[in-house]
Every structure is written in C-alpha cells, then in structure tokens.
Protein backbone atom coordinates (compact mmCIF):
# COMPACT_ATOMS: atom_id res chain seq x y z
CA MET A 1 -11.76 6.62 -40.54
CA ASN A 2 -9.51 7.83 -43.33
CA PHE A 3 -5.73 7.97 -43.41
CA ILE A 4 -5.45 11.65 -42.41
CA GLY A 5 -7.79 11.12 -39.45
CA SER A 6 -5.78 8.10 -38.30
CA LEU A 7 -2.53 10.03 -38.64
CA PHE A 8 -3.98 12.98 -36.72
CA LYS A 9 -5.23 10.66 -33.96
CA PHE A 10 -1.83 8.98 -33.77
CA PHE A 11 0.08 12.23 -33.35
CA ILE A 12 -2.35 14.04 -31.08
CA VAL A 13 -3.65 11.26 -28.88
CA ASP A 14 -0.87 8.69 -28.85
CA VAL A 15 2.35 10.67 -29.19
CA LEU A 16 1.40 13.95 -27.53
CA GLY A 17 -0.73 12.19 -24.93
CA SER A 18 2.13 9.86 -24.03
CA VAL A 19 4.58 12.75 -23.70
CA LEU A 20 2.20 14.72 -21.50
CA TYR A 21 1.22 11.69 -19.41
CA PHE A 22 4.83 10.63 -18.78
CA PRO A 23 5.49 12.91 -15.75
CA VAL A 24 2.16 11.93 -14.23
CA TRP A 25 2.98 8.23 -14.61
CA TRP A 26 6.57 8.71 -13.38
CA TYR A 27 5.53 10.31 -10.09
CA THR A 28 2.43 8.17 -9.44
CA GLU A 29 2.31 4.64 -10.85
CA GLY A 30 6.03 4.46 -11.58
CA PHE A 31 6.92 5.69 -8.10
CA PHE A 32 4.63 3.11 -6.48
CA GLU A 33 6.20 0.40 -8.64
CA ILE A 34 9.71 1.33 -7.53
CA VAL A 35 8.60 1.51 -3.88
CA ASN A 36 7.14 -2.00 -4.18
CA TRP A 37 10.40 -3.14 -5.83
CA VAL A 38 12.34 -1.71 -2.87
CA LYS A 39 10.00 -3.46 -0.40
CA ARG A 40 10.49 -6.78 -2.18
CA GLY A 41 14.26 -6.28 -2.32
CA LEU A 42 14.59 -5.40 1.36
CA SER A 43 12.27 -8.23 2.35
CA TYR A 44 14.40 -10.65 0.34
CA ARG A 45 17.61 -9.33 1.91
CA TRP A 46 16.09 -9.60 5.41
CA ARG A 47 15.27 -13.26 4.76
CA ALA A 48 18.67 -13.88 3.12
CA TYR A 49 20.48 -12.54 6.17
CA SER A 50 18.17 -14.76 8.28
CA PHE A 51 18.17 -12.53 11.33
CA SER A 52 15.44 -14.56 13.00
CA VAL A 53 17.48 -17.79 12.83
CA TRP A 54 20.55 -16.05 14.23
CA MET A 55 18.53 -14.49 17.05
CA LYS A 56 16.74 -17.77 17.84
CA ASN A 57 20.07 -19.57 18.19
CA PHE A 58 21.89 -16.68 19.87
CA LEU A 59 22.51 -18.51 23.16
CA VAL A 60 22.90 -21.99 21.68
CA PRO A 61 26.55 -23.07 21.76
CA MET A 62 28.26 -23.58 18.41
CA TYR A 63 29.61 -26.99 17.41
CA GLY A 64 28.02 -28.61 20.47
CA GLN A 65 30.55 -27.19 22.94
CA TYR A 66 28.51 -26.76 26.08
CA ASP A 67 31.36 -25.65 28.34
CA PHE A 68 31.67 -22.05 29.54
CA ALA A 69 34.32 -21.05 26.96
CA GLY A 70 32.31 -22.55 24.10
CA ARG A 71 29.21 -20.63 25.15
CA VAL A 72 31.10 -17.33 25.49
CA VAL A 73 32.77 -17.71 22.10
CA SER A 74 29.47 -18.69 20.49
CA VAL A 75 27.60 -15.70 21.91
CA PHE A 76 30.44 -13.35 20.99
CA MET A 77 30.70 -14.65 17.42
CA ARG A 78 26.95 -14.53 16.86
CA PHE A 79 26.89 -11.00 18.23
CA ILE A 80 29.65 -9.96 15.79
CA VAL A 81 27.89 -11.67 12.89
CA LEU A 82 24.58 -9.99 13.72
CA ILE A 83 26.28 -6.59 13.88
CA GLY A 84 27.97 -7.21 10.51
CA ARG A 85 24.75 -8.36 8.87
CA GLY A 86 22.89 -5.42 10.39
CA ILE A 87 25.44 -2.99 8.96
CA ALA A 88 25.18 -4.69 5.56
CA PHE A 89 21.38 -4.50 5.67
CA ILE A 90 21.46 -0.81 6.59
CA ALA A 91 23.93 -0.14 3.76
CA GLU A 92 21.66 -1.92 1.28
CA ALA A 93 18.63 0.01 2.57
CA PHE A 94 20.59 3.23 2.09
CA GLY A 95 21.45 2.13 -1.45
CA TYR A 96 17.76 1.55 -2.17
CA LEU A 97 17.01 4.99 -0.73
CA VAL A 98 19.56 6.54 -3.11
CA ILE A 99 17.93 4.73 -6.04
CA VAL A 100 14.50 6.10 -5.05
CA GLY A 101 16.00 9.59 -4.75
CA ILE A 102 17.52 9.31 -8.20
CA TRP A 103 14.16 8.10 -9.51
CA LEU A 104 12.47 11.20 -8.13
CA LEU A 105 15.10 13.67 -9.40
CA LEU A 106 15.90 12.17 -12.80
CA PRO A 107 13.07 13.72 -14.85
CA ALA A 108 13.58 17.15 -13.28
CA PHE A 109 17.30 17.13 -14.05
CA SER A 110 16.67 15.74 -17.53
CA PHE A 111 14.27 18.56 -18.37
CA LEU A 112 16.59 21.11 -16.76
CA PHE A 113 19.60 20.00 -18.81
CA PHE A 114 17.47 19.74 -21.95
CA PHE A 115 16.30 23.34 -21.65
CA LEU A 116 19.75 24.60 -20.66
CA ASN A 117 21.17 22.95 -23.76
CA ILE A 118 18.50 24.54 -25.96
CA PHE A 119 19.05 27.99 -24.48
CA GLN A 120 22.83 27.71 -24.83
CA GLY A 121 22.35 26.73 -28.46
CA LEU A 122 20.06 29.68 -29.03
CA ALA A 123 22.53 32.02 -27.31
CA LYS A 124 25.26 30.91 -29.72
CA LEU A 125 23.00 31.73 -32.67
CA ILE A 126 22.39 35.27 -31.46
C-alpha cells in the first residue's frame, strides 16, 4: 500500500472510526467496566467494615465482662457501631451512584457545551 493509501486509511478508519465508536464504547463496554468497578469497590468496603464479624459477635460481651452491665454496654456499643458503619456504607454507595450518574451524563453535557460554544461563536461573527 502506498503512502496516500495509508494516510487515507489512518484518517478514515482509525481517526474517524474512533470518534464515531466512542459513544458506543462509552455507553456499552465503558459503562459495564464502571459498574464492575463499583461492584468491586462496594464489595471491598463491605468486607472492610466487616459487618459479618460484628453481627457474629453482637451478643458476646466486650473485654470479657460477663456481668449484666458488661453485656448491656457491649450490645449497645456494637449496635451503635453497626449503625455508624451502615450509614457510612450507604453514603459510599450513594457516592458511587453519583459517579455512575456523572459517567452517563458527561458525554451528553460535553457535546451540548461544545455545540453551544460553536453556535455562540458563530452568532458573534454574524
């Protein structure tokens, strides 16, 4: 293949094809990649908060104090800790949801602002 043919192939297939394929990739493969990233992140946070360990030891007295007061304080403190960790987990899940929403809206807003900028520039010329 000669130089002109290679240059033509580069511009038509590689450059134009990449530009046209970008939205398809963004909303298909890219979206599935970010969803898998969110799943991994939430799974990691669930393990880091170790809800199962806290629930398994919910009624076990802390610091080996087996009297009534020690048991009440232990259950109360574990209940408070589980509520706090649950709120933190929900806040992180909401943060991930915001990131996914931004991922979905970013190309649309980018194209919108791009075309608005072009039209405003053209309006100034007229």
